[in-house]
N, C-alpha and C. Protein backbone atom coordinates (compact mmCIF):
# COMPACT_ATOMS: atom_id res chain seq x y z
N MET A 1 -81.54 -41.72 -4.47
CA MET A 1 -80.22 -40.84 -4.26
C MET A 1 -79.14 -41.73 -4.50
N LYS A 2 -77.73 -41.17 -4.83
CA LYS A 2 -76.73 -41.54 -5.32
C LYS A 2 -75.44 -41.05 -4.47
N LYS A 3 -74.70 -41.91 -4.20
CA LYS A 3 -73.53 -41.31 -3.45
C LYS A 3 -72.20 -42.15 -4.15
N PHE A 4 -70.99 -41.47 -3.67
CA PHE A 4 -69.97 -42.14 -4.07
C PHE A 4 -69.32 -43.34 -3.10
N ILE A 5 -68.80 -44.40 -3.72
CA ILE A 5 -68.08 -45.36 -2.58
C ILE A 5 -66.72 -45.59 -3.42
N LYS A 6 -65.88 -46.01 -2.65
CA LYS A 6 -64.47 -46.38 -2.90
C LYS A 6 -64.33 -48.04 -3.18
N LEU A 7 -63.94 -48.04 -4.28
CA LEU A 7 -63.50 -49.51 -4.66
C LEU A 7 -61.94 -49.81 -5.01
N ASP A 8 -61.69 -50.98 -4.73
CA ASP A 8 -60.37 -51.15 -5.01
C ASP A 8 -60.17 -51.35 -6.85
N PRO A 9 -59.51 -50.52 -7.31
CA PRO A 9 -59.29 -50.62 -8.92
C PRO A 9 -59.33 -52.18 -9.52
N LYS A 10 -58.79 -52.98 -8.70
CA LYS A 10 -58.49 -54.35 -9.23
C LYS A 10 -60.11 -55.25 -9.24
N THR A 11 -61.13 -54.52 -8.71
CA THR A 11 -62.43 -55.10 -8.31
C THR A 11 -63.57 -54.64 -9.36
N VAL A 12 -63.05 -53.44 -10.07
CA VAL A 12 -63.98 -52.71 -10.83
C VAL A 12 -64.16 -53.23 -12.33
N ASP A 13 -65.43 -53.58 -12.91
CA ASP A 13 -65.57 -54.22 -13.87
C ASP A 13 -65.86 -53.06 -14.97
N MET A 14 -64.79 -52.70 -15.59
CA MET A 14 -64.77 -51.38 -16.45
C MET A 14 -64.07 -51.85 -17.72
N ASN A 15 -64.44 -51.67 -18.85
CA ASN A 15 -63.95 -51.69 -20.25
C ASN A 15 -63.31 -50.30 -20.54
N PRO A 16 -61.81 -50.21 -20.39
CA PRO A 16 -61.38 -48.68 -20.42
C PRO A 16 -61.52 -48.41 -22.21
N PHE A 17 -61.63 -49.45 -23.06
CA PHE A 17 -61.81 -49.07 -24.57
C PHE A 17 -62.99 -48.33 -24.79
N SER A 18 -64.16 -48.99 -24.37
CA SER A 18 -65.44 -48.41 -24.44
C SER A 18 -65.60 -47.25 -23.67
N THR A 19 -65.32 -47.22 -22.36
CA THR A 19 -65.48 -46.35 -21.30
C THR A 19 -64.79 -45.08 -21.84
N LEU A 20 -63.71 -45.08 -22.25
CA LEU A 20 -62.94 -43.80 -22.76
C LEU A 20 -63.42 -43.31 -24.02
N ASP A 21 -63.55 -44.24 -24.85
CA ASP A 21 -63.89 -43.85 -26.38
C ASP A 21 -65.41 -43.48 -26.39
N ASP A 22 -66.27 -44.13 -25.69
CA ASP A 22 -67.79 -43.85 -26.07
C ASP A 22 -68.35 -42.74 -25.05
N ASN A 23 -67.72 -42.68 -23.82
CA ASN A 23 -68.19 -41.56 -22.79
C ASN A 23 -67.08 -40.46 -22.68
N TRP A 24 -65.78 -40.63 -23.12
CA TRP A 24 -65.11 -39.49 -22.71
C TRP A 24 -64.84 -39.26 -21.26
N MET A 25 -64.06 -38.30 -21.08
CA MET A 25 -63.82 -38.01 -19.64
C MET A 25 -63.36 -36.75 -19.40
N LEU A 26 -63.44 -36.06 -18.06
CA LEU A 26 -63.08 -34.77 -17.82
C LEU A 26 -61.65 -34.90 -17.00
N ILE A 27 -60.66 -34.38 -17.61
CA ILE A 27 -59.42 -34.39 -16.72
C ILE A 27 -59.61 -32.99 -15.88
N THR A 28 -59.16 -33.03 -14.67
CA THR A 28 -59.81 -32.01 -13.93
C THR A 28 -58.46 -31.63 -12.83
N ALA A 29 -58.07 -30.40 -12.46
CA ALA A 29 -57.04 -30.28 -11.66
C ALA A 29 -57.22 -28.80 -10.93
N ARG A 30 -56.29 -28.51 -9.91
CA ARG A 30 -56.77 -27.47 -9.19
C ARG A 30 -55.24 -27.03 -8.81
N SER A 31 -55.23 -25.80 -8.88
CA SER A 31 -54.02 -25.03 -8.42
C SER A 31 -54.32 -23.82 -7.44
N GLY A 32 -54.04 -24.01 -6.17
CA GLY A 32 -54.52 -22.80 -5.31
C GLY A 32 -56.04 -22.75 -5.53
N GLU A 33 -56.52 -21.56 -5.84
CA GLU A 33 -57.96 -21.30 -5.84
C GLU A 33 -58.57 -21.78 -7.23
N LYS A 34 -57.71 -21.90 -8.42
CA LYS A 34 -57.94 -21.97 -9.81
C LYS A 34 -58.43 -23.66 -9.99
N VAL A 35 -59.49 -23.75 -10.50
CA VAL A 35 -59.91 -25.20 -11.01
C VAL A 35 -60.17 -25.22 -12.53
N ASN A 36 -59.92 -26.18 -13.27
CA ASN A 36 -60.09 -26.28 -14.68
C ASN A 36 -60.24 -27.52 -15.06
N THR A 37 -61.00 -27.74 -15.97
CA THR A 37 -61.20 -29.12 -16.61
C THR A 37 -61.12 -29.09 -18.16
N MET A 38 -61.20 -30.59 -18.75
CA MET A 38 -61.05 -30.54 -20.12
C MET A 38 -61.51 -31.79 -20.49
N THR A 39 -62.28 -31.91 -21.50
CA THR A 39 -62.63 -33.25 -22.25
C THR A 39 -61.64 -33.94 -22.72
N ALA A 40 -61.39 -35.11 -22.53
CA ALA A 40 -60.67 -36.20 -23.26
C ALA A 40 -61.13 -37.38 -23.56
N SER A 41 -60.41 -38.16 -24.38
CA SER A 41 -60.87 -39.35 -24.67
C SER A 41 -59.45 -40.27 -24.90
N TRP A 42 -58.12 -39.59 -25.08
CA TRP A 42 -57.16 -40.34 -25.18
C TRP A 42 -56.60 -40.67 -23.76
N GLY A 43 -56.25 -41.84 -23.46
CA GLY A 43 -55.62 -42.30 -22.12
C GLY A 43 -56.04 -43.80 -21.90
N GLY A 44 -55.66 -44.29 -20.82
CA GLY A 44 -55.79 -45.57 -20.42
C GLY A 44 -55.32 -45.96 -19.06
N LEU A 45 -55.62 -47.17 -18.60
CA LEU A 45 -55.24 -47.88 -17.19
C LEU A 45 -54.58 -48.96 -17.51
N GLY A 46 -53.70 -49.04 -16.35
CA GLY A 46 -53.00 -50.35 -16.25
C GLY A 46 -52.03 -50.31 -15.02
N VAL A 47 -51.00 -50.98 -15.10
CA VAL A 47 -50.02 -51.17 -13.97
C VAL A 47 -48.76 -50.90 -14.58
N LEU A 48 -48.14 -50.18 -13.91
CA LEU A 48 -46.84 -49.53 -14.07
C LEU A 48 -46.10 -48.98 -12.78
N TRP A 49 -44.74 -49.53 -12.98
CA TRP A 49 -43.98 -49.36 -11.74
C TRP A 49 -44.70 -49.88 -10.32
N ASN A 50 -45.18 -50.95 -10.65
CA ASN A 50 -45.93 -51.66 -9.56
C ASN A 50 -47.09 -50.91 -9.01
N LYS A 51 -47.66 -50.09 -9.69
CA LYS A 51 -48.57 -49.41 -9.24
C LYS A 51 -49.90 -49.30 -10.04
N ASN A 52 -51.11 -49.26 -9.59
CA ASN A 52 -52.34 -49.13 -10.59
C ASN A 52 -52.33 -47.79 -11.06
N VAL A 53 -52.34 -47.43 -12.37
CA VAL A 53 -52.13 -46.11 -12.88
C VAL A 53 -53.09 -45.82 -13.95
N ALA A 54 -53.41 -44.41 -14.26
CA ALA A 54 -54.02 -43.90 -15.45
C ALA A 54 -53.08 -43.10 -16.12
N TYR A 55 -53.20 -43.10 -17.31
CA TYR A 55 -52.40 -42.20 -18.15
C TYR A 55 -53.25 -41.43 -19.20
N VAL A 56 -53.17 -40.15 -19.50
CA VAL A 56 -53.81 -39.07 -20.21
C VAL A 56 -52.93 -38.37 -20.88
N PHE A 57 -53.34 -37.86 -21.98
CA PHE A 57 -52.76 -36.89 -22.92
C PHE A 57 -53.18 -35.57 -22.94
N VAL A 58 -52.35 -34.53 -22.80
CA VAL A 58 -52.70 -33.17 -22.88
C VAL A 58 -52.15 -32.23 -23.69
N ARG A 59 -52.70 -31.56 -24.52
CA ARG A 59 -51.84 -30.70 -25.54
C ARG A 59 -51.23 -29.46 -24.79
N PRO A 60 -50.24 -29.28 -25.23
CA PRO A 60 -49.48 -27.95 -24.45
C PRO A 60 -50.09 -26.67 -24.26
N GLN A 61 -50.95 -26.38 -25.06
CA GLN A 61 -51.66 -25.03 -25.06
C GLN A 61 -52.92 -24.96 -24.08
N ARG A 62 -53.27 -26.27 -23.44
CA ARG A 62 -54.44 -26.34 -22.61
C ARG A 62 -54.08 -25.81 -21.41
N TYR A 63 -55.11 -24.92 -20.86
CA TYR A 63 -54.97 -24.30 -19.61
C TYR A 63 -55.00 -25.40 -18.37
N THR A 64 -55.55 -26.54 -18.66
CA THR A 64 -55.66 -27.66 -17.75
C THR A 64 -54.37 -28.11 -17.63
N ARG A 65 -53.54 -28.14 -18.50
CA ARG A 65 -52.00 -28.87 -18.48
C ARG A 65 -51.40 -28.00 -17.38
N GLU A 66 -51.54 -26.38 -17.41
CA GLU A 66 -50.96 -25.64 -16.46
C GLU A 66 -51.28 -25.93 -15.11
N LEU A 67 -52.50 -26.12 -14.77
CA LEU A 67 -53.04 -26.87 -13.46
C LEU A 67 -52.50 -28.07 -13.03
N ILE A 68 -52.39 -28.96 -13.94
CA ILE A 68 -52.04 -30.42 -13.52
C ILE A 68 -50.33 -30.02 -13.27
N ASP A 69 -49.60 -29.42 -14.10
CA ASP A 69 -48.09 -29.30 -13.87
C ASP A 69 -47.89 -28.62 -12.29
N GLU A 70 -48.90 -27.71 -11.81
CA GLU A 70 -48.81 -26.87 -10.57
C GLU A 70 -49.49 -27.83 -9.43
N SER A 71 -49.95 -29.08 -9.79
CA SER A 71 -50.48 -29.73 -8.87
C SER A 71 -49.92 -30.84 -8.49
N ASP A 72 -50.14 -31.86 -7.42
CA ASP A 72 -49.84 -32.92 -7.19
C ASP A 72 -50.80 -34.14 -7.63
N HIS A 73 -51.73 -33.69 -7.91
CA HIS A 73 -53.15 -34.60 -8.07
C HIS A 73 -53.91 -34.06 -9.25
N PHE A 74 -54.62 -34.88 -9.93
CA PHE A 74 -55.75 -34.80 -10.90
C PHE A 74 -56.65 -35.71 -10.80
N SER A 75 -57.77 -35.41 -11.29
CA SER A 75 -59.15 -36.41 -11.37
C SER A 75 -59.53 -36.69 -12.77
N LEU A 76 -59.92 -38.02 -12.95
CA LEU A 76 -60.54 -38.14 -14.08
C LEU A 76 -61.85 -38.64 -13.95
N ASN A 77 -62.76 -37.80 -14.41
CA ASN A 77 -64.32 -38.07 -14.31
C ASN A 77 -64.87 -38.64 -15.66
N ILE A 78 -65.57 -39.79 -15.29
CA ILE A 78 -66.49 -40.61 -16.32
C ILE A 78 -67.83 -40.14 -16.26
N LEU A 79 -68.21 -39.38 -17.35
CA LEU A 79 -69.82 -39.12 -17.34
C LEU A 79 -70.51 -39.69 -18.45
N ASP A 80 -71.67 -40.04 -18.38
CA ASP A 80 -72.44 -40.59 -19.54
C ASP A 80 -72.43 -39.63 -20.38
N HIS A 81 -72.11 -40.15 -21.87
CA HIS A 81 -71.83 -38.96 -23.16
C HIS A 81 -73.05 -38.74 -23.26
N GLU A 82 -74.18 -39.52 -23.42
CA GLU A 82 -75.45 -39.04 -23.95
C GLU A 82 -76.45 -38.10 -23.22
N THR A 83 -76.23 -38.23 -21.77
CA THR A 83 -76.83 -37.56 -21.00
C THR A 83 -76.00 -36.01 -20.85
N TYR A 84 -74.78 -36.05 -20.89
CA TYR A 84 -73.79 -34.74 -20.72
C TYR A 84 -73.17 -34.65 -22.02
N ARG A 85 -74.05 -34.77 -23.12
CA ARG A 85 -72.80 -34.62 -24.32
C ARG A 85 -72.48 -33.19 -24.53
N LYS A 86 -73.67 -32.29 -24.45
CA LYS A 86 -73.65 -30.87 -24.57
C LYS A 86 -72.46 -30.16 -23.57
N GLU A 87 -72.57 -30.68 -22.33
CA GLU A 87 -71.59 -30.12 -21.38
C GLU A 87 -69.92 -30.63 -21.83
N LEU A 88 -69.86 -31.94 -22.23
CA LEU A 88 -68.65 -32.41 -22.34
C LEU A 88 -68.13 -31.62 -23.82
N GLU A 89 -68.99 -31.36 -24.65
CA GLU A 89 -68.50 -30.82 -25.79
C GLU A 89 -68.03 -29.29 -25.75
N TYR A 90 -68.82 -28.62 -24.80
CA TYR A 90 -68.49 -27.33 -24.30
C TYR A 90 -67.23 -27.32 -23.64
N LEU A 91 -67.01 -28.10 -22.71
CA LEU A 91 -65.86 -28.21 -21.84
C LEU A 91 -64.70 -28.74 -22.53
N GLY A 92 -64.82 -29.22 -23.78
CA GLY A 92 -63.56 -29.41 -24.39
C GLY A 92 -63.17 -28.34 -25.53
N LYS A 93 -64.21 -27.44 -25.75
CA LYS A 93 -63.76 -26.39 -26.63
C LYS A 93 -63.43 -25.03 -25.94
N ALA A 94 -64.25 -24.73 -24.94
CA ALA A 94 -63.99 -23.41 -24.09
C ALA A 94 -62.65 -23.57 -23.36
N SER A 95 -62.02 -22.36 -23.25
CA SER A 95 -60.81 -22.12 -22.33
C SER A 95 -61.20 -21.62 -20.96
N GLY A 96 -60.71 -22.27 -20.04
CA GLY A 96 -61.00 -21.83 -18.62
C GLY A 96 -60.07 -20.47 -18.31
N ARG A 97 -59.19 -20.21 -19.16
CA ARG A 97 -58.42 -18.99 -19.42
C ARG A 97 -59.42 -17.98 -19.54
N ASP A 98 -60.28 -18.02 -20.16
CA ASP A 98 -61.24 -16.77 -21.04
C ASP A 98 -62.43 -16.72 -20.06
N GLU A 99 -62.92 -17.69 -19.42
CA GLU A 99 -64.13 -17.66 -18.80
C GLU A 99 -64.31 -19.00 -17.48
N ASP A 100 -65.03 -18.57 -16.77
CA ASP A 100 -65.43 -19.78 -15.72
C ASP A 100 -66.34 -20.95 -16.38
N LYS A 101 -65.79 -21.63 -17.25
CA LYS A 101 -66.38 -22.61 -18.12
C LYS A 101 -66.98 -23.72 -16.98
N ILE A 102 -66.69 -23.98 -16.04
CA ILE A 102 -67.19 -24.96 -14.95
C ILE A 102 -68.54 -24.49 -14.56
N ALA A 103 -68.32 -23.18 -14.02
CA ALA A 103 -69.85 -22.63 -13.64
C ALA A 103 -70.79 -22.42 -14.74
N LYS A 104 -70.30 -22.21 -16.05
CA LYS A 104 -71.33 -22.14 -17.29
C LYS A 104 -71.84 -23.49 -17.34
N SER A 105 -71.00 -24.61 -17.39
CA SER A 105 -71.45 -25.77 -17.79
C SER A 105 -72.45 -26.29 -16.79
N LYS A 106 -72.66 -25.66 -15.44
CA LYS A 106 -73.74 -26.14 -14.49
C LYS A 106 -73.40 -27.59 -13.97
N LEU A 107 -72.42 -27.90 -14.04
CA LEU A 107 -71.75 -29.15 -13.42
C LEU A 107 -71.78 -28.93 -11.79
N THR A 108 -71.58 -29.86 -11.15
CA THR A 108 -71.42 -29.56 -9.89
C THR A 108 -69.88 -30.09 -9.22
N LEU A 109 -69.01 -29.18 -8.94
CA LEU A 109 -67.72 -29.37 -8.11
C LEU A 109 -67.71 -29.99 -6.96
N ALA A 110 -66.97 -30.89 -6.46
CA ALA A 110 -67.04 -31.68 -5.42
C ALA A 110 -65.47 -31.84 -5.22
N TYR A 111 -65.12 -32.34 -3.79
CA TYR A 111 -63.73 -32.40 -3.44
C TYR A 111 -63.45 -33.83 -2.76
N SER A 112 -62.18 -34.57 -3.07
CA SER A 112 -61.78 -35.39 -2.26
C SER A 112 -60.37 -35.24 -1.64
N ASN A 113 -60.42 -34.98 -0.57
CA ASN A 113 -58.86 -34.56 -0.32
C ASN A 113 -58.40 -33.23 -0.98
N GLU A 114 -59.16 -32.38 -1.39
CA GLU A 114 -58.84 -30.99 -2.06
C GLU A 114 -58.65 -31.35 -3.53
N VAL A 115 -58.83 -32.51 -3.94
CA VAL A 115 -58.70 -32.98 -5.59
C VAL A 115 -60.25 -32.59 -5.97
N PRO A 116 -60.28 -31.68 -7.05
CA PRO A 116 -61.67 -31.68 -7.43
C PRO A 116 -62.17 -32.56 -8.48
N TYR A 117 -63.55 -32.64 -8.44
CA TYR A 117 -64.18 -33.79 -9.32
C TYR A 117 -65.83 -33.57 -9.51
N PHE A 118 -66.44 -34.33 -10.44
CA PHE A 118 -67.75 -33.76 -10.44
C PHE A 118 -68.68 -34.95 -10.05
N GLN A 119 -69.67 -34.34 -9.42
CA GLN A 119 -70.85 -35.07 -8.75
C GLN A 119 -71.58 -35.69 -9.79
N GLU A 120 -71.79 -35.47 -11.20
CA GLU A 120 -72.29 -35.88 -12.00
C GLU A 120 -71.67 -37.33 -12.87
N ALA A 121 -70.37 -37.26 -12.57
CA ALA A 121 -69.70 -38.39 -13.07
C ALA A 121 -70.23 -39.71 -12.40
N ASP A 122 -69.85 -40.70 -13.31
CA ASP A 122 -70.58 -42.25 -12.73
C ASP A 122 -69.17 -42.82 -12.01
N GLN A 123 -68.18 -42.52 -12.41
CA GLN A 123 -66.86 -42.88 -11.72
C GLN A 123 -65.76 -41.84 -12.00
N VAL A 124 -64.81 -41.82 -10.93
CA VAL A 124 -63.98 -40.88 -10.65
C VAL A 124 -62.60 -41.56 -10.17
N LEU A 125 -61.74 -41.21 -10.75
CA LEU A 125 -60.23 -41.83 -10.42
C LEU A 125 -59.37 -40.54 -10.02
N ILE A 126 -59.14 -40.54 -8.79
CA ILE A 126 -58.36 -39.53 -8.19
C ILE A 126 -56.88 -39.93 -8.07
N CYS A 127 -56.16 -39.14 -8.96
CA CYS A 127 -54.89 -39.61 -9.37
C CYS A 127 -53.64 -38.73 -8.80
N ARG A 128 -52.54 -39.46 -8.25
CA ARG A 128 -51.51 -38.83 -7.89
C ARG A 128 -50.49 -38.71 -9.09
N LYS A 129 -50.04 -37.57 -9.28
CA LYS A 129 -49.25 -37.41 -10.35
C LYS A 129 -47.77 -38.05 -10.32
N LEU A 130 -47.31 -39.18 -10.99
CA LEU A 130 -46.09 -39.65 -10.83
C LEU A 130 -45.06 -39.12 -12.04
N SER A 131 -45.64 -38.94 -13.09
CA SER A 131 -44.63 -38.56 -14.10
C SER A 131 -45.26 -37.90 -15.40
N ARG A 132 -44.56 -36.76 -15.90
CA ARG A 132 -44.96 -36.35 -17.25
C ARG A 132 -43.61 -36.19 -18.35
N GLN A 133 -44.21 -36.50 -19.55
CA GLN A 133 -43.19 -36.45 -20.71
C GLN A 133 -43.88 -35.98 -21.83
N GLN A 134 -43.23 -35.05 -22.74
CA GLN A 134 -43.81 -34.73 -23.63
C GLN A 134 -43.44 -35.71 -24.87
N ILE A 135 -44.44 -35.91 -25.74
CA ILE A 135 -44.10 -36.78 -26.94
C ILE A 135 -43.37 -35.66 -27.97
N THR A 136 -42.45 -36.56 -28.70
CA THR A 136 -41.69 -35.81 -29.71
C THR A 136 -41.82 -36.07 -30.96
N LYS A 137 -41.48 -35.62 -32.04
CA LYS A 137 -41.53 -36.00 -33.39
C LYS A 137 -40.67 -37.24 -33.53
N ASP A 138 -39.47 -37.51 -32.93
CA ASP A 138 -38.55 -38.40 -33.11
C ASP A 138 -39.05 -39.72 -32.31
N SER A 139 -40.17 -39.70 -31.37
CA SER A 139 -40.60 -40.65 -30.77
C SER A 139 -41.46 -41.71 -31.57
N PHE A 140 -41.93 -41.35 -32.67
CA PHE A 140 -42.78 -42.01 -33.60
C PHE A 140 -42.09 -43.09 -34.38
N ILE A 141 -42.46 -44.31 -34.64
CA ILE A 141 -42.14 -45.23 -35.25
C ILE A 141 -42.69 -45.41 -36.61
N GLU A 142 -44.25 -45.37 -36.34
CA GLU A 142 -44.88 -45.62 -37.69
C GLU A 142 -44.87 -44.60 -38.50
N ALA A 143 -44.67 -44.52 -39.70
CA ALA A 143 -44.54 -43.23 -40.47
C ALA A 143 -45.87 -42.62 -40.82
N GLY A 144 -46.02 -41.19 -40.69
CA GLY A 144 -47.30 -40.56 -40.77
C GLY A 144 -48.21 -40.20 -39.50
N LEU A 145 -47.88 -41.03 -38.42
CA LEU A 145 -48.61 -40.74 -37.38
C LEU A 145 -48.53 -39.35 -36.88
N ALA A 146 -47.15 -38.73 -36.86
CA ALA A 146 -47.01 -37.48 -36.27
C ALA A 146 -47.29 -36.51 -37.18
N ALA A 147 -47.42 -36.64 -38.53
CA ALA A 147 -47.98 -35.65 -39.36
C ALA A 147 -49.47 -35.37 -39.41
N LYS A 148 -49.96 -36.78 -39.33
CA LYS A 148 -51.44 -36.84 -39.00
C LYS A 148 -52.13 -36.20 -37.91
N ASN A 149 -51.38 -36.57 -36.71
CA ASN A 149 -52.14 -36.08 -35.72
C ASN A 149 -51.67 -35.00 -34.89
N TYR A 150 -50.28 -34.53 -35.39
CA TYR A 150 -49.85 -33.14 -35.08
C TYR A 150 -49.29 -32.15 -36.01
N PRO A 151 -50.25 -31.82 -36.81
CA PRO A 151 -49.93 -30.97 -38.06
C PRO A 151 -49.19 -29.50 -37.74
N THR A 152 -49.40 -29.13 -36.64
CA THR A 152 -48.75 -27.92 -36.15
C THR A 152 -47.66 -28.26 -34.87
N ASP A 153 -47.34 -29.53 -34.90
CA ASP A 153 -46.17 -29.85 -33.84
C ASP A 153 -46.43 -29.53 -32.59
N ASP A 154 -47.96 -29.55 -32.05
CA ASP A 154 -48.25 -29.31 -30.77
C ASP A 154 -48.35 -30.58 -29.89
N PHE A 155 -47.32 -31.45 -29.74
CA PHE A 155 -47.40 -32.60 -29.32
C PHE A 155 -47.81 -32.73 -27.82
N HIS A 156 -48.58 -33.73 -27.62
CA HIS A 156 -49.26 -33.77 -26.11
C HIS A 156 -47.96 -34.14 -25.05
N TYR A 157 -48.53 -33.86 -24.04
CA TYR A 157 -47.64 -34.36 -22.54
C TYR A 157 -48.52 -35.51 -22.29
N VAL A 158 -47.80 -36.54 -21.63
CA VAL A 158 -48.30 -37.70 -21.06
C VAL A 158 -48.25 -37.80 -19.74
N TYR A 159 -49.13 -37.52 -19.10
CA TYR A 159 -49.19 -37.69 -17.54
C TYR A 159 -49.69 -39.13 -17.13
N VAL A 160 -48.84 -39.69 -16.25
CA VAL A 160 -49.06 -40.80 -15.50
C VAL A 160 -49.27 -40.52 -14.00
N GLY A 161 -50.43 -40.88 -13.50
CA GLY A 161 -50.85 -40.84 -12.18
C GLY A 161 -51.29 -42.07 -11.26
N GLU A 162 -50.85 -42.28 -10.10
CA GLU A 162 -51.10 -43.51 -9.57
C GLU A 162 -52.58 -43.50 -9.04
N ILE A 163 -53.34 -44.45 -9.37
CA ILE A 163 -54.99 -44.08 -8.92
C ILE A 163 -55.02 -44.35 -7.42
N GLU A 164 -55.19 -43.23 -6.66
CA GLU A 164 -55.13 -43.39 -5.07
C GLU A 164 -56.64 -43.79 -4.72
N ASP A 165 -57.69 -43.54 -5.49
CA ASP A 165 -59.05 -43.83 -5.22
C ASP A 165 -59.70 -43.92 -6.38
N PHE A 166 -60.48 -44.89 -6.39
CA PHE A 166 -61.54 -45.24 -7.58
C PHE A 166 -62.89 -45.24 -6.85
N LEU A 167 -63.61 -43.94 -7.50
CA LEU A 167 -64.92 -43.91 -6.79
C LEU A 167 -65.90 -44.23 -7.87
N VAL A 168 -66.85 -44.96 -7.23
CA VAL A 168 -67.96 -45.23 -8.25
C VAL A 168 -69.31 -45.08 -7.64
N LYS A 169 -70.54 -44.34 -8.45
CA LYS A 169 -71.71 -43.86 -7.93
C LYS A 169 -72.55 -45.24 -7.64
N GLU A 170 -73.19 -45.13 -6.31
CA GLU A 170 -73.91 -46.21 -6.04
C GLU A 170 -75.47 -45.83 -5.55
N GLU A 171 -76.49 -46.40 -5.93
CA GLU A 171 -77.82 -46.08 -5.29
C GLU A 171 -77.76 -46.42 -3.94
N ILE A 172 -78.29 -45.35 -2.83
CA ILE A 172 -78.58 -45.77 -1.53
C ILE A 172 -79.96 -45.65 -0.99
């Protein structure tokens, strides 16, 4: 059996490059009774404003963005990509506006101080939202990046969240 334990983020041995690129993550938020999640691989971890933070990128049309905007917290859920490939692909394509995609995915919601996360995750970061900024065409320095990544000008919002809890699954 496995349970989550809290670790100090500074003690976690995790390569954010391979973790986010190879496994992806589920960004999950709650507003009132509404919970939604989306698959993402763009983001990172670091220290900003003297805080341990995670930052993620969410397109403006995503339903999860609305819930993050309405909430003080969000979670980042790292699941094994090979084991949960089908679920991660589905949760990245389906819209929570149109259906209860979490129920359809058969992943198990849990809560840490009312912040939703998934029992199937190997690592969970509970984040308190600190800032939100939308990328603009003018913010690009390297020519061609905006046109290549935003052909319809749907520039991501960047959310920075303080990591309040870093949960890791452990055998008991």
